Amino acid sequence: MRIAGMGHAVFAATLIVLGVLGLIRGDFTPIWQGAPANLPARDWLACACAVIALVCGVGLLWPRSAASSARLLSGCLLLWMLAFKLRVVLLHPAVEDVYQGCGENAVLVAGAWVLYARFATDGDRRWFGFATGDRGVRIAQGLYALAMLAFGLSHFFYVNLTAPLVPGWLPWHVAWAYFTGCAYLAAGVAILAGVHARMAIALSALQMGLFTLLVWVPAVAGGHASPSQWSELILSWALTAAAWVVADSSRGTTGSRNAERGLRAPQAPRQA
């Protein structure tokens, strides 16, 4: 096993930092949002999440533990999304903000799933073949695409909150809010349709990175940042790192290589 692109290393390092931060604070870090305040054993769950992030981050950088770490991380993030994100969507289906929150978790799941699909062992391929290899990567990319649709819609539904985040030195703040929303929507549609999907993933990951660099870094650089601004910076960086993993994966799948050549992806042989 080798590092599967720079995104893999950055994502693993980000998990390590978040794990350490969670243990120091004794609370959930921004990637584990959504747990109810009255949840039983909430403090213990926060500690467990911090340990999972730390252990999986270290494990992703160690050849012998990369597969098991990716399996554990993707499974925990997926369970978290089902338990604390999709539940809210079902309870409040007409509120767009809950889709954005679910989309944030979906990007993290997609990044972890890509690594699991890449490093899956023979046992993983035997029991969870649909989630491994190129097929698993494409499923993760599809999940990532749905997150981009949620992000794009949030720019339109909450333009009054998005426009003020545009750096002051840029003109036409509302226009930028709509433009970036359209960019996310276009990326999601392109990935799902398989039209210039590789470019769409790369550009959407770049957009997340620029948002982190141009909006949240200056917000905390002045030394008077609020806890919510620090939380947004950490979450935005974690999403960028996960998106980077997905962007790296778009260069390595058989499907993406054949699409560039105008060929059809090979089909698995039928078993007698």
C-alpha atoms as a PDB file:
ATOM      1  CA  MET A   1       0.000   0.000   0.000  1.00  0.00           C
ATOM      2  CA  ARG A   2       1.180   3.502  -0.767  1.00  0.00           C
ATOM      3  CA  ILE A   3      -0.287   6.928  -0.118  1.00  0.00           C
ATOM      4  CA  ALA A   4      -3.177   7.282  -2.567  1.00  0.00           C
ATOM      5  CA  GLY A   5      -2.448  10.890  -3.529  1.00  0.00           C
ATOM      6  CA  MET A   6      -1.770  14.027  -1.531  1.00  0.00           C
ATOM      7  CA  GLY A   7      -5.413  14.202  -0.476  1.00  0.00           C
ATOM      8  CA  HIS A   8      -4.996  10.903   1.404  1.00  0.00           C
ATOM      9  CA  ALA A   9      -2.106  12.298   3.456  1.00  0.00           C
ATOM     10  CA  VAL A  10      -3.837  15.620   4.146  1.00  0.00           C
ATOM     11  CA  PHE A  11      -7.091  13.899   5.142  1.00  0.00           C
ATOM     12  CA  ALA A  12      -5.249  11.548   7.514  1.00  0.00           C
ATOM     13  CA  ALA A  13      -3.331  14.429   9.100  1.00  0.00           C
ATOM     14  CA  THR A  14      -6.569  16.380   9.501  1.00  0.00           C
ATOM     15  CA  LEU A  15      -8.177  13.455  11.318  1.00  0.00           C
ATOM     16  CA  ILE A  16      -5.208  13.219  13.676  1.00  0.00           C
ATOM     17  CA  VAL A  17      -5.449  16.917  14.549  1.00  0.00           C
ATOM     18  CA  LEU A  18      -9.218  16.668  15.048  1.00  0.00           C
ATOM     19  CA  GLY A  19      -8.793  13.617  17.254  1.00  0.00           C
ATOM     20  CA  VAL A  20      -6.277  15.381  19.473  1.00  0.00           C
ATOM     21  CA  LEU A  21      -8.464  18.494  19.583  1.00  0.00           C
ATOM     22  CA  GLY A  22     -11.509  16.463  20.562  1.00  0.00           C
ATOM     23  CA  LEU A  23      -9.650  14.765  23.412  1.00  0.00           C
ATOM     24  CA  ILE A  24      -8.309  18.096  24.700  1.00  0.00           C
ATOM     25  CA  ARG A  25     -11.691  19.806  24.586  1.00  0.00           C
ATOM     26  CA  GLY A  26     -13.678  16.795  25.727  1.00  0.00           C
ATOM     27  CA  ASP A  27     -16.379  17.650  23.215  1.00  0.00           C
ATOM     28  CA  PHE A  28     -17.402  16.904  19.636  1.00  0.00           C
ATOM     29  CA  THR A  29     -15.272  18.490  16.928  1.00  0.00           C
ATOM     30  CA  PRO A  30     -17.076  20.040  13.934  1.00  0.00           C
ATOM     31  CA  ILE A  31     -17.013  16.847  11.862  1.00  0.00           C
ATOM     32  CA  TRP A  32     -19.223  15.168  14.476  1.00  0.00           C
ATOM     33  CA  GLN A  33     -22.097  17.644  14.518  1.00  0.00           C
ATOM     34  CA  GLY A  34     -25.736  16.845  15.144  1.00  0.00           C
ATOM     35  CA  ALA A  35     -25.746  14.821  18.369  1.00  0.00           C
ATOM     36  CA  PRO A  36     -28.718  15.921  20.541  1.00  0.00           C
ATOM     37  CA  ALA A  37     -27.827  17.807  23.716  1.00  0.00           C
ATOM     38  CA  ASN A  38     -29.814  15.326  25.826  1.00  0.00           C
ATOM     39  CA  LEU A  39     -28.203  12.244  24.286  1.00  0.00           C
ATOM     40  CA  PRO A  40     -27.324   9.692  26.997  1.00  0.00           C
ATOM     41  CA  ALA A  41     -23.574   9.314  27.624  1.00  0.00           C
ATOM     42  CA  ARG A  42     -22.945  12.253  25.301  1.00  0.00           C
ATOM     43  CA  ASP A  43     -19.531  13.000  26.807  1.00  0.00           C
ATOM     44  CA  TRP A  44     -18.429   9.412  26.371  1.00  0.00           C
ATOM     45  CA  LEU A  45     -19.593   9.431  22.763  1.00  0.00           C
ATOM     46  CA  ALA A  46     -17.627  12.633  22.101  1.00  0.00           C
ATOM     47  CA  CYS A  47     -14.511  10.990  23.526  1.00  0.00           C
ATOM     48  CA  ALA A  48     -15.101   7.880  21.419  1.00  0.00           C
ATOM     49  CA  CYS A  49     -15.455   9.994  18.264  1.00  0.00           C
ATOM     50  CA  ALA A  50     -12.183  11.773  19.045  1.00  0.00           C
ATOM     51  CA  VAL A  51     -10.410   8.449  19.551  1.00  0.00           C
ATOM     52  CA  ILE A  52     -11.849   7.099  16.294  1.00  0.00           C
ATOM     53  CA  ALA A  53     -10.611  10.145  14.367  1.00  0.00           C
ATOM     54  CA  LEU A  54      -7.154   9.946  15.934  1.00  0.00           C
ATOM     55  CA  VAL A  55      -6.723   6.188  15.546  1.00  0.00           C
ATOM     56  CA  CYS A  56      -8.062   6.145  11.986  1.00  0.00           C
ATOM     57  CA  GLY A  57      -5.929   9.119  10.993  1.00  0.00           C
ATOM     58  CA  VAL A  58      -2.776   7.392  12.200  1.00  0.00           C
ATOM     59  CA  GLY A  59      -3.924   4.068  10.775  1.00  0.00           C
ATOM     60  CA  LEU A  60      -4.471   5.527   7.302  1.00  0.00           C
ATOM     61  CA  LEU A  61      -0.779   6.405   7.170  1.00  0.00           C
ATOM     62  CA  TRP A  62       0.351   2.918   8.216  1.00  0.00           C
ATOM     63  CA  PRO A  63       0.351   0.271   5.452  1.00  0.00           C
ATOM     64  CA  ARG A  64      -0.849  -2.646   7.560  1.00  0.00           C
ATOM     65  CA  SER A  65      -3.744  -0.742   9.105  1.00  0.00           C
ATOM     66  CA  ALA A  66      -4.914   1.436   6.205  1.00  0.00           C
ATOM     67  CA  ALA A  67      -7.703  -0.945   5.121  1.00  0.00           C
ATOM     68  CA  SER A  68      -9.116  -1.499   8.616  1.00  0.00           C
ATOM     69  CA  SER A  69      -8.834   2.211   9.449  1.00  0.00           C
ATOM     70  CA  ALA A  70     -10.676   3.228   6.275  1.00  0.00           C
ATOM     71  CA  ARG A  71     -13.331   0.600   6.996  1.00  0.00           C
ATOM     72  CA  LEU A  72     -13.869   1.806  10.556  1.00  0.00           C
ATOM     73  CA  LEU A  73     -13.892   5.484   9.614  1.00  0.00           C
ATOM     74  CA  SER A  74     -16.283   5.156   6.687  1.00  0.00           C
ATOM     75  CA  GLY A  75     -18.595   2.938   8.733  1.00  0.00           C
ATOM     76  CA  CYS A  76     -18.687   5.332  11.702  1.00  0.00           C
ATOM     77  CA  LEU A  77     -19.233   8.410   9.540  1.00  0.00           C
ATOM     78  CA  LEU A  78     -21.980   6.648   7.590  1.00  0.00           C
ATOM     79  CA  LEU A  79     -23.728   5.542  10.780  1.00  0.00           C
ATOM     80  CA  TRP A  80     -23.433   9.093  12.117  1.00  0.00           C
ATOM     81  CA  MET A  81     -25.074  10.459   8.979  1.00  0.00           C
ATOM     82  CA  LEU A  82     -27.912   7.939   9.196  1.00  0.00           C
ATOM     83  CA  ALA A  83     -28.495   8.479  12.917  1.00  0.00           C
ATOM     84  CA  PHE A  84     -28.106  12.230  13.296  1.00  0.00           C
ATOM     85  CA  LYS A  85     -28.372  13.794   9.837  1.00  0.00           C
ATOM     86  CA  LEU A  86     -30.904  11.856   7.788  1.00  0.00           C
ATOM     87  CA  ARG A  87     -33.179  11.682  10.824  1.00  0.00           C
ATOM     88  CA  VAL A  88     -33.389  15.478  10.841  1.00  0.00           C
ATOM     89  CA  VAL A  89     -34.035  15.511   7.091  1.00  0.00           C
ATOM     90  CA  LEU A  90     -36.973  13.156   7.591  1.00  0.00           C
ATOM     91  CA  LEU A  91     -38.321  15.294  10.426  1.00  0.00           C
ATOM     92  CA  HIS A  92     -37.927  18.602   8.557  1.00  0.00           C
ATOM     93  CA  PRO A  93     -37.958  17.808   4.816  1.00  0.00           C
ATOM     94  CA  ALA A  94     -38.952  21.364   3.836  1.00  0.00           C
ATOM     95  CA  VAL A  95     -35.965  23.025   5.544  1.00  0.00           C
ATOM     96  CA  GLU A  96     -33.003  23.325   3.168  1.00  0.00           C
ATOM     97  CA  ASP A  97     -30.455  23.827   5.943  1.00  0.00           C
ATOM     98  CA  VAL A  98     -30.797  20.221   7.083  1.00  0.00           C
ATOM     99  CA  TYR A  99     -29.775  19.058   3.601  1.00  0.00           C
ATOM    100  CA  GLN A 100     -26.636  21.173   3.789  1.00  0.00           C
ATOM    101  CA  GLY A 101     -25.752  19.612   7.138  1.00  0.00           C
ATOM    102  CA  CYS A 102     -26.319  16.163   5.692  1.00  0.00           C
ATOM    103  CA  GLY A 103     -24.224  17.129   2.660  1.00  0.00           C
ATOM    104  CA  GLU A 104     -21.292  18.117   4.867  1.00  0.00           C
ATOM    105  CA  ASN A 105     -21.344  14.702   6.475  1.00  0.00           C
ATOM    106  CA  ALA A 106     -21.744  13.082   3.041  1.00  0.00           C
ATOM    107  CA  VAL A 107     -18.498  14.676   1.804  1.00  0.00           C
ATOM    108  CA  LEU A 108     -16.640  13.204   4.780  1.00  0.00           C
ATOM    109  CA  VAL A 109     -18.238   9.803   4.167  1.00  0.00           C
ATOM    110  CA  ALA A 110     -17.271   9.999   0.489  1.00  0.00           C
ATOM    111  CA  GLY A 111     -13.629  10.728   1.319  1.00  0.00           C
ATOM    112  CA  ALA A 112     -13.430   7.842   3.792  1.00  0.00           C
ATOM    113  CA  TRP A 113     -15.321   5.500   1.431  1.00  0.00           C
ATOM    114  CA  VAL A 114     -12.909   6.221  -1.416  1.00  0.00           C
ATOM    115  CA  LEU A 115     -10.003   5.138   0.778  1.00  0.00           C
ATOM    116  CA  TYR A 116     -11.884   2.035   1.897  1.00  0.00           C
ATOM    117  CA  ALA A 117     -12.637   1.129  -1.724  1.00  0.00           C
ATOM    118  CA  ARG A 118      -8.955   1.560  -2.590  1.00  0.00           C
ATOM    119  CA  PHE A 119      -7.469  -0.391   0.324  1.00  0.00           C
ATOM    120  CA  ALA A 120     -10.128  -3.110   0.700  1.00  0.00           C
ATOM    121  CA  THR A 121      -8.784  -6.529   1.614  1.00  0.00           C
ATOM    122  CA  ASP A 122      -9.803  -9.818   0.025  1.00  0.00           C
ATOM    123  CA  GLY A 123     -12.303 -10.293   2.843  1.00  0.00           C
ATOM    124  CA  ASP A 124     -13.821  -6.883   2.158  1.00  0.00           C
ATOM    125  CA  ARG A 125     -14.151  -7.680  -1.533  1.00  0.00           C
ATOM    126  CA  ARG A 126     -15.740 -11.029  -0.704  1.00  0.00           C
ATOM    127  CA  TRP A 127     -18.385  -9.653   1.662  1.00  0.00           C
ATOM    128  CA  PHE A 128     -18.788  -6.053   0.484  1.00  0.00           C
ATOM    129  CA  GLY A 129     -17.733  -6.218  -3.144  1.00  0.00           C
ATOM    130  CA  PHE A 130     -20.182  -3.521  -4.225  1.00  0.00           C
ATOM    131  CA  ALA A 131     -18.447  -1.004  -1.938  1.00  0.00           C
ATOM    132  CA  THR A 132     -14.889  -1.717  -3.047  1.00  0.00           C
ATOM    133  CA  GLY A 133     -12.742  -1.147  -6.122  1.00  0.00           C
ATOM    134  CA  ASP A 134     -13.860   1.128  -8.929  1.00  0.00           C
ATOM    135  CA  ARG A 135     -17.531   0.476  -8.176  1.00  0.00           C
ATOM    136  CA  GLY A 136     -17.098   1.611  -4.589  1.00  0.00           C
ATOM    137  CA  VAL A 137     -15.257   4.727  -5.734  1.00  0.00           C
ATOM    138  CA  ARG A 138     -18.081   5.596  -8.118  1.00  0.00           C
ATOM    139  CA  ILE A 139     -20.658   5.181  -5.331  1.00  0.00           C
ATOM    140  CA  ALA A 140     -18.610   7.507  -3.130  1.00  0.00           C
ATOM    141  CA  GLN A 141     -18.383  10.024  -5.964  1.00  0.00           C
ATOM    142  CA  GLY A 142     -22.163   9.850  -6.388  1.00  0.00           C
ATOM    143  CA  LEU A 143     -22.629  10.586  -2.694  1.00  0.00           C
ATOM    144  CA  TYR A 144     -20.233  13.494  -3.075  1.00  0.00           C
ATOM    145  CA  ALA A 145     -22.296  14.767  -6.027  1.00  0.00           C
ATOM    146  CA  LEU A 146     -25.479  14.803  -3.938  1.00  0.00           C
ATOM    147  CA  ALA A 147     -23.634  16.877  -1.346  1.00  0.00           C
ATOM    148  CA  MET A 148     -22.701  19.397  -4.027  1.00  0.00           C
ATOM    149  CA  LEU A 149     -26.381  19.766  -4.930  1.00  0.00           C
ATOM    150  CA  ALA A 150     -27.218  20.466  -1.288  1.00  0.00           C
ATOM    151  CA  PHE A 151     -24.415  23.033  -1.045  1.00  0.00           C
ATOM    152  CA  GLY A 152     -25.552  24.765  -4.218  1.00  0.00           C
ATOM    153  CA  LEU A 153     -29.165  25.029  -3.099  1.00  0.00           C
ATOM    154  CA  SER A 154     -28.110  26.480   0.249  1.00  0.00           C
ATOM    155  CA  HIS A 155     -26.455  29.397  -1.558  1.00  0.00           C
ATOM    156  CA  PHE A 156     -29.802  30.256  -3.135  1.00  0.00           C
ATOM    157  CA  PHE A 157     -31.992  29.655  -0.085  1.00  0.00           C
ATOM    158  CA  TYR A 158     -29.659  31.565   2.227  1.00  0.00           C
ATOM    159  CA  VAL A 159     -28.146  34.159  -0.089  1.00  0.00           C
ATOM    160  CA  ASN A 160     -28.610  36.770   2.651  1.00  0.00           C
ATOM    161  CA  LEU A 161     -26.203  34.754   4.811  1.00  0.00           C
ATOM    162  CA  THR A 162     -23.828  33.728   2.016  1.00  0.00           C
ATOM    163  CA  ALA A 163     -23.273  37.132   0.394  1.00  0.00           C
ATOM    164  CA  PRO A 164     -21.787  38.763   3.528  1.00  0.00           C
ATOM    165  CA  LEU A 165     -19.150  36.013   3.625  1.00  0.00           C
ATOM    166  CA  VAL A 166     -17.688  37.137   0.277  1.00  0.00           C
ATOM    167  CA  PRO A 167     -14.383  38.972   0.932  1.00  0.00           C
ATOM    168  CA  GLY A 168     -14.829  42.728   1.092  1.00  0.00           C
ATOM    169  CA  TRP A 169     -12.289  43.387  -1.659  1.00  0.00           C
ATOM    170  CA  LEU A 170     -14.481  41.556  -4.175  1.00  0.00           C
ATOM    171  CA  PRO A 171     -17.357  43.471  -5.821  1.00  0.00           C
ATOM    172  CA  TRP A 172     -20.901  42.169  -6.378  1.00  0.00           C
ATOM    173  CA  HIS A 173     -21.232  40.000  -3.272  1.00  0.00           C
ATOM    174  CA  VAL A 174     -24.707  38.741  -4.124  1.00  0.00           C
ATOM    175  CA  ALA A 175     -23.595  37.823  -7.640  1.00  0.00           C
ATOM    176  CA  TRP A 176     -20.687  35.806  -6.206  1.00  0.00           C
ATOM    177  CA  ALA A 177     -23.068  33.998  -3.850  1.00  0.00           C
ATOM    178  CA  TYR A 178     -25.268  32.978  -6.782  1.00  0.00           C
ATOM    179  CA  PHE A 179     -22.270  32.109  -8.958  1.00  0.00           C
ATOM    180  CA  THR A 180     -20.706  29.778  -6.402  1.00  0.00           C
ATOM    181  CA  GLY A 181     -24.102  28.210  -5.793  1.00  0.00           C
ATOM    182  CA  CYS A 182     -24.480  27.562  -9.513  1.00  0.00           C
ATOM    183  CA  ALA A 183     -20.953  26.102  -9.575  1.00  0.00           C
ATOM    184  CA  TYR A 184     -21.832  23.578  -6.882  1.00  0.00           C
ATOM    185  CA  LEU A 185     -25.081  22.647  -8.636  1.00  0.00           C
ATOM    186  CA  ALA A 186     -23.315  22.255 -11.981  1.00  0.00           C
ATOM    187  CA  ALA A 187     -20.648  20.067 -10.361  1.00  0.00           C
ATOM    188  CA  GLY A 188     -23.231  17.798  -8.766  1.00  0.00           C
ATOM    189  CA  VAL A 189     -25.163  17.378 -12.022  1.00  0.00           C
ATOM    190  CA  ALA A 190     -21.980  16.787 -14.042  1.00  0.00           C
ATOM    191  CA  ILE A 191     -20.743  14.091 -11.650  1.00  0.00           C
ATOM    192  CA  LEU A 192     -24.093  12.270 -11.590  1.00  0.00           C
ATOM    193  CA  ALA A 193     -24.403  12.514 -15.379  1.00  0.00           C
ATOM    194  CA  GLY A 194     -20.823  11.445 -15.975  1.00  0.00           C
ATOM    195  CA  VAL A 195     -20.119  14.521 -18.102  1.00  0.00           C
ATOM    196  CA  HIS A 196     -16.678  15.972 -17.339  1.00  0.00           C
ATOM    197  CA  ALA A 197     -17.042  14.426 -13.894  1.00  0.00           C
ATOM    198  CA  ARG A 198     -13.329  14.491 -13.182  1.00  0.00           C
ATOM    199  CA  MET A 199     -13.144  18.233 -13.820  1.00  0.00           C
ATOM    200  CA  ALA A 200     -16.310  18.839 -11.794  1.00  0.00           C
ATOM    201  CA  ILE A 201     -14.912  17.031  -8.758  1.00  0.00           C
ATOM    202  CA  ALA A 202     -11.582  18.840  -8.993  1.00  0.00           C
ATOM    203  CA  LEU A 203     -13.144  22.286  -9.389  1.00  0.00           C
ATOM    204  CA  SER A 204     -15.657  21.779  -6.574  1.00  0.00           C
ATOM    205  CA  ALA A 205     -12.838  20.655  -4.259  1.00  0.00           C
ATOM    206  CA  LEU A 206     -10.859  23.733  -5.296  1.00  0.00           C
ATOM    207  CA  GLN A 207     -13.877  25.929  -4.567  1.00  0.00           C
ATOM    208  CA  MET A 208     -14.116  24.493  -1.052  1.00  0.00           C
ATOM    209  CA  GLY A 209     -10.424  25.135  -0.541  1.00  0.00           C
ATOM    210  CA  LEU A 210     -10.715  28.724  -1.746  1.00  0.00           C
ATOM    211  CA  PHE A 211     -13.713  29.264   0.505  1.00  0.00           C
ATOM    212  CA  THR A 212     -11.609  28.074   3.448  1.00  0.00           C
ATOM    213  CA  LEU A 213      -8.662  30.251   2.478  1.00  0.00           C
ATOM    214  CA  LEU A 214     -10.521  33.441   1.527  1.00  0.00           C
ATOM    215  CA  VAL A 215     -13.378  33.421   4.034  1.00  0.00           C
ATOM    216  CA  TRP A 216     -12.579  31.525   7.223  1.00  0.00           C
ATOM    217  CA  VAL A 217      -8.818  31.975   7.492  1.00  0.00           C
ATOM    218  CA  PRO A 218      -9.118  35.806   7.448  1.00  0.00           C
ATOM    219  CA  ALA A 219     -12.069  35.554   9.851  1.00  0.00           C
ATOM    220  CA  VAL A 220      -9.894  33.960  12.540  1.00  0.00           C
ATOM    221  CA  ALA A 221      -6.596  35.607  11.627  1.00  0.00           C
ATOM    222  CA  GLY A 222      -7.488  38.852  13.392  1.00  0.00           C
ATOM    223  CA  GLY A 223      -7.384  37.180  16.789  1.00  0.00           C
ATOM    224  CA  HIS A 224     -10.985  37.984  17.746  1.00  0.00           C
ATOM    225  CA  ALA A 225     -12.751  35.036  16.135  1.00  0.00           C
ATOM    226  CA  SER A 226     -15.841  33.602  17.778  1.00  0.00           C
ATOM    227  CA  PRO A 227     -16.133  29.868  18.564  1.00  0.00           C
ATOM    228  CA  SER A 228     -18.544  29.506  15.654  1.00  0.00           C
ATOM    229  CA  GLN A 229     -15.992  30.997  13.242  1.00  0.00           C
ATOM    230  CA  TRP A 230     -13.314  28.607  14.480  1.00  0.00           C
ATOM    231  CA  SER A 231     -15.776  25.754  14.067  1.00  0.00           C
ATOM    232  CA  GLU A 232     -16.557  26.824  10.492  1.00  0.00           C
ATOM    233  CA  LEU A 233     -12.852  27.031   9.665  1.00  0.00           C
ATOM    234  CA  ILE A 234     -12.160  23.548  11.016  1.00  0.00           C
ATOM    235  CA  LEU A 235     -15.170  22.032   9.262  1.00  0.00           C
ATOM    236  CA  SER A 236     -14.395  23.809   5.990  1.00  0.00           C
ATOM    237  CA  TRP A 237     -10.831  22.504   6.064  1.00  0.00           C
ATOM    238  CA  ALA A 238     -11.975  18.960   6.867  1.00  0.00           C
ATOM    239  CA  LEU A 239     -14.428  19.076   3.946  1.00  0.00           C
ATOM    240  CA  THR A 240     -11.669  20.349   1.664  1.00  0.00           C
ATOM    241  CA  ALA A 241      -9.392  17.483   2.715  1.00  0.00           C
ATOM    242  CA  ALA A 242     -12.137  14.899   2.114  1.00  0.00           C
ATOM    243  CA  ALA A 243     -12.989  16.473  -1.252  1.00  0.00           C
ATOM    244  CA  TRP A 244      -9.291  16.304  -2.130  1.00  0.00           C
ATOM    245  CA  VAL A 245      -9.410  12.529  -1.579  1.00  0.00           C
ATOM    246  CA  VAL A 246     -12.411  12.251  -3.888  1.00  0.00           C
ATOM    247  CA  ALA A 247     -10.665  14.421  -6.490  1.00  0.00           C
ATOM    248  CA  ASP A 248      -7.602  12.166  -6.365  1.00  0.00           C
ATOM    249  CA  SER A 249      -9.856   9.131  -6.866  1.00  0.00           C
ATOM    250  CA  SER A 250     -11.290  10.534 -10.100  1.00  0.00           C
ATOM    251  CA  ARG A 251      -7.857  10.147 -11.696  1.00  0.00           C
ATOM    252  CA  GLY A 252      -7.490   6.509 -10.798  1.00  0.00           C
ATOM    253  CA  THR A 253     -10.683   4.614 -11.584  1.00  0.00           C
ATOM    254  CA  THR A 254     -10.925   2.397 -14.613  1.00  0.00           C
ATOM    255  CA  GLY A 255     -14.140   4.145 -15.524  1.00  0.00           C
ATOM    256  CA  SER A 256     -12.548   7.595 -15.555  1.00  0.00           C
ATOM    257  CA  ARG A 257      -9.605   6.426 -17.662  1.00  0.00           C
ATOM    258  CA  ASN A 258     -11.891   4.743 -20.182  1.00  0.00           C
ATOM    259  CA  ALA A 259     -14.175   7.761 -20.291  1.00  0.00           C
ATOM    260  CA  GLU A 260     -11.227   9.889 -21.319  1.00  0.00           C
ATOM    261  CA  ARG A 261     -10.510   7.438 -24.150  1.00  0.00           C
ATOM    262  CA  GLY A 262     -14.158   7.213 -25.167  1.00  0.00           C
ATOM    263  CA  LEU A 263     -14.337   3.554 -24.145  1.00  0.00           C
ATOM    264  CA  ARG A 264     -16.889   1.657 -22.174  1.00  0.00           C
ATOM    265  CA  ALA A 265     -15.831   0.421 -18.741  1.00  0.00           C
ATOM    266  CA  PRO A 266     -15.200  -3.329 -18.791  1.00  0.00           C
ATOM    267  CA  GLN A 267     -17.890  -5.554 -17.319  1.00  0.00           C
ATOM    268  CA  ALA A 268     -17.156  -8.266 -14.771  1.00  0.00           C
ATOM    269  CA  PRO A 269     -17.391 -11.758 -16.334  1.00  0.00           C
ATOM    270  CA  ARG A 270     -20.493 -13.782 -15.511  1.00  0.00           C
ATOM    271  CA  GLN A 271     -19.947 -16.693 -13.154  1.00  0.00           C
ATOM    272  CA  ALA A 272     -21.275 -20.075 -14.161  1.00  0.00           C
END
